[in-house]
Amino acid sequence: MLSKQEYVALSEFRSQLARFLRFSESAARAAGVTPKQYLILLHIRGVEGRDWATVGELAVRLQSTPNGAVALMHIPAHRVQGFQCIVNADSGGNVNRIPTSS
């Protein structure tokens, strides 16, 4: 059982999180991408030491399937500068570059 102070802190945290998510979703739409597409772009840039991500990495970060992550990649390139492609490494170690839509 949580204490009253823990409930207060948890309530405040959830309120601030909801406010941040609403702001992020509005900013994404204003930039011409969906909130999920924004998350893909964020996670690509957020990979340590490189500016690309595998489809599997994106699926994990999005709590999605690889097919679901690929479906979100159809982002017109003119809307997203600096995101040229996403790399998909298959189980055999073959690397395929999946270009963003133009």
C-alpha atoms as a PDB file:
ATOM      1  CA  MET A   1       0.000   0.000   0.000  1.00  0.00           C
ATOM      2  CA  LEU A   2       1.264   3.432  -0.867  1.00  0.00           C
ATOM      3  CA  SER A   3       1.387   6.282   1.604  1.00  0.00           C
ATOM      4  CA  LYS A   4      -0.540   9.513   1.030  1.00  0.00           C
ATOM      5  CA  GLN A   5       2.733  11.275   0.079  1.00  0.00           C
ATOM      6  CA  GLU A   6       3.497   8.567  -2.478  1.00  0.00           C
ATOM      7  CA  TYR A   7       0.019   8.928  -4.017  1.00  0.00           C
ATOM      8  CA  VAL A   8       0.477  12.712  -4.190  1.00  0.00           C
ATOM      9  CA  ALA A   9       3.891  12.338  -5.847  1.00  0.00           C
ATOM     10  CA  LEU A  10       2.621   9.712  -8.284  1.00  0.00           C
ATOM     11  CA  SER A  11      -0.387  11.858  -9.181  1.00  0.00           C
ATOM     12  CA  GLU A  12       1.843  14.866  -9.842  1.00  0.00           C
ATOM     13  CA  PHE A  13       4.232  12.780 -11.947  1.00  0.00           C
ATOM     14  CA  ARG A  14       1.390  11.386 -14.075  1.00  0.00           C
ATOM     15  CA  SER A  15      -0.088  14.859 -14.506  1.00  0.00           C
ATOM     16  CA  GLN A  16       3.253  16.296 -15.673  1.00  0.00           C
ATOM     17  CA  LEU A  17       3.819  13.306 -17.971  1.00  0.00           C
ATOM     18  CA  ALA A  18       0.383  13.782 -19.576  1.00  0.00           C
ATOM     19  CA  ARG A  19       1.088  17.492 -20.074  1.00  0.00           C
ATOM     20  CA  PHE A  20       4.434  16.714 -21.732  1.00  0.00           C
ATOM     21  CA  LEU A  21       2.903  14.053 -24.001  1.00  0.00           C
ATOM     22  CA  ARG A  22       0.117  16.419 -25.095  1.00  0.00           C
ATOM     23  CA  PHE A  23       2.717  19.116 -25.899  1.00  0.00           C
ATOM     24  CA  SER A  24       4.878  16.632 -27.870  1.00  0.00           C
ATOM     25  CA  GLU A  25       1.909  15.343 -29.868  1.00  0.00           C
ATOM     26  CA  SER A  26       0.821  18.880 -30.763  1.00  0.00           C
ATOM     27  CA  ALA A  27       4.355  19.830 -31.818  1.00  0.00           C
ATOM     28  CA  ALA A  28       4.618  16.701 -33.986  1.00  0.00           C
ATOM     29  CA  ARG A  29       1.346  17.447 -35.760  1.00  0.00           C
ATOM     30  CA  ALA A  30       2.420  21.063 -36.307  1.00  0.00           C
ATOM     31  CA  ALA A  31       5.595  19.724 -37.974  1.00  0.00           C
ATOM     32  CA  GLY A  32       3.524  17.523 -40.302  1.00  0.00           C
ATOM     33  CA  VAL A  33       4.211  14.125 -38.761  1.00  0.00           C
ATOM     34  CA  THR A  34       2.123  11.882 -36.552  1.00  0.00           C
ATOM     35  CA  PRO A  35       3.049  11.442 -32.885  1.00  0.00           C
ATOM     36  CA  LYS A  36       4.239   7.872 -33.636  1.00  0.00           C
ATOM     37  CA  GLN A  37       6.398   9.097 -36.512  1.00  0.00           C
ATOM     38  CA  TYR A  38       7.865  11.701 -34.170  1.00  0.00           C
ATOM     39  CA  LEU A  39       8.769   8.912 -31.762  1.00  0.00           C
ATOM     40  CA  ILE A  40      10.512   6.988 -34.552  1.00  0.00           C
ATOM     41  CA  LEU A  41      12.563  10.072 -35.396  1.00  0.00           C
ATOM     42  CA  LEU A  42      13.347  10.678 -31.729  1.00  0.00           C
ATOM     43  CA  HIS A  43      14.474   7.095 -31.213  1.00  0.00           C
ATOM     44  CA  ILE A  44      16.673   7.154 -34.324  1.00  0.00           C
ATOM     45  CA  ARG A  45      18.444  10.272 -33.078  1.00  0.00           C
ATOM     46  CA  GLY A  46      18.558   8.850 -29.567  1.00  0.00           C
ATOM     47  CA  VAL A  47      20.669   5.786 -30.390  1.00  0.00           C
ATOM     48  CA  GLU A  48      24.017   6.121 -28.636  1.00  0.00           C
ATOM     49  CA  GLY A  49      26.978   6.621 -30.964  1.00  0.00           C
ATOM     50  CA  ARG A  50      25.138   6.723 -34.305  1.00  0.00           C
ATOM     51  CA  ASP A  51      22.356   8.484 -36.185  1.00  0.00           C
ATOM     52  CA  TRP A  52      20.496   5.370 -37.322  1.00  0.00           C
ATOM     53  CA  ALA A  53      18.615   2.509 -35.742  1.00  0.00           C
ATOM     54  CA  THR A  54      17.683  -1.009 -36.703  1.00  0.00           C
ATOM     55  CA  VAL A  55      14.046  -1.887 -37.184  1.00  0.00           C
ATOM     56  CA  GLY A  56      14.341  -4.222 -34.205  1.00  0.00           C
ATOM     57  CA  GLU A  57      15.664  -1.419 -31.982  1.00  0.00           C
ATOM     58  CA  LEU A  58      12.818   0.828 -33.042  1.00  0.00           C
ATOM     59  CA  ALA A  59      10.261  -1.908 -32.398  1.00  0.00           C
ATOM     60  CA  VAL A  60      11.587  -2.383 -28.859  1.00  0.00           C
ATOM     61  CA  ARG A  61      11.614   1.342 -28.106  1.00  0.00           C
ATOM     62  CA  LEU A  62       8.097   1.764 -29.520  1.00  0.00           C
ATOM     63  CA  GLN A  63       6.835  -1.389 -27.787  1.00  0.00           C
ATOM     64  CA  SER A  64       5.738  -2.533 -31.247  1.00  0.00           C
ATOM     65  CA  THR A  65       6.462  -5.270 -33.744  1.00  0.00           C
ATOM     66  CA  PRO A  66       9.114  -4.870 -36.458  1.00  0.00           C
ATOM     67  CA  ASN A  67       6.323  -4.748 -39.064  1.00  0.00           C
ATOM     68  CA  GLY A  68       4.582  -2.027 -37.091  1.00  0.00           C
ATOM     69  CA  ALA A  69       7.789   0.014 -36.914  1.00  0.00           C
ATOM     70  CA  VAL A  70       8.329  -0.324 -40.676  1.00  0.00           C
ATOM     71  CA  ALA A  71       4.752   0.809 -41.354  1.00  0.00           C
ATOM     72  CA  LEU A  72       5.458   4.067 -39.522  1.00  0.00           C
ATOM     73  CA  MET A  73       8.504   4.852 -41.667  1.00  0.00           C
ATOM     74  CA  HIS A  74       6.541   6.292 -44.574  1.00  0.00           C
ATOM     75  CA  ILE A  75       7.404   9.880 -43.733  1.00  0.00           C
ATOM     76  CA  PRO A  76       7.824  12.274 -46.661  1.00  0.00           C
ATOM     77  CA  ALA A  77      11.530  13.180 -46.801  1.00  0.00           C
ATOM     78  CA  HIS A  78      10.828  16.876 -47.426  1.00  0.00           C
ATOM     79  CA  ARG A  79       9.230  17.052 -43.976  1.00  0.00           C
ATOM     80  CA  VAL A  80      12.130  15.417 -42.174  1.00  0.00           C
ATOM     81  CA  GLN A  81      15.584  16.792 -42.809  1.00  0.00           C
ATOM     82  CA  GLY A  82      18.521  14.708 -41.638  1.00  0.00           C
ATOM     83  CA  PHE A  83      16.736  11.359 -41.650  1.00  0.00           C
ATOM     84  CA  GLN A  84      17.785   9.698 -44.864  1.00  0.00           C
ATOM     85  CA  CYS A  85      17.167   6.054 -44.083  1.00  0.00           C
ATOM     86  CA  ILE A  86      16.654   3.447 -41.445  1.00  0.00           C
ATOM     87  CA  VAL A  87      18.764   0.334 -41.369  1.00  0.00           C
ATOM     88  CA  ASN A  88      17.227  -3.116 -41.132  1.00  0.00           C
ATOM     89  CA  ALA A  89      19.639  -5.902 -40.220  1.00  0.00           C
ATOM     90  CA  ASP A  90      18.133  -9.331 -40.744  1.00  0.00           C
ATOM     91  CA  SER A  91      18.946 -12.450 -38.731  1.00  0.00           C
ATOM     92  CA  GLY A  92      21.698 -13.395 -41.215  1.00  0.00           C
ATOM     93  CA  GLY A  93      23.507 -10.120 -40.592  1.00  0.00           C
ATOM     94  CA  ASN A  94      22.556  -8.646 -43.966  1.00  0.00           C
ATOM     95  CA  VAL A  95      21.959  -4.915 -43.810  1.00  0.00           C
ATOM     96  CA  ASN A  96      19.259  -3.272 -45.895  1.00  0.00           C
ATOM     97  CA  ARG A  97      18.694   0.463 -46.047  1.00  0.00           C
ATOM     98  CA  ILE A  98      15.064   1.489 -46.107  1.00  0.00           C
ATOM     99  CA  PRO A  99      14.807   5.016 -47.516  1.00  0.00           C
ATOM    100  CA  THR A 100      12.175   7.390 -46.238  1.00  0.00           C
ATOM    101  CA  SER A 101       9.443   8.245 -48.723  1.00  0.00           C
ATOM    102  CA  SER A 102      10.087  11.212 -50.990  1.00  0.00           C
END
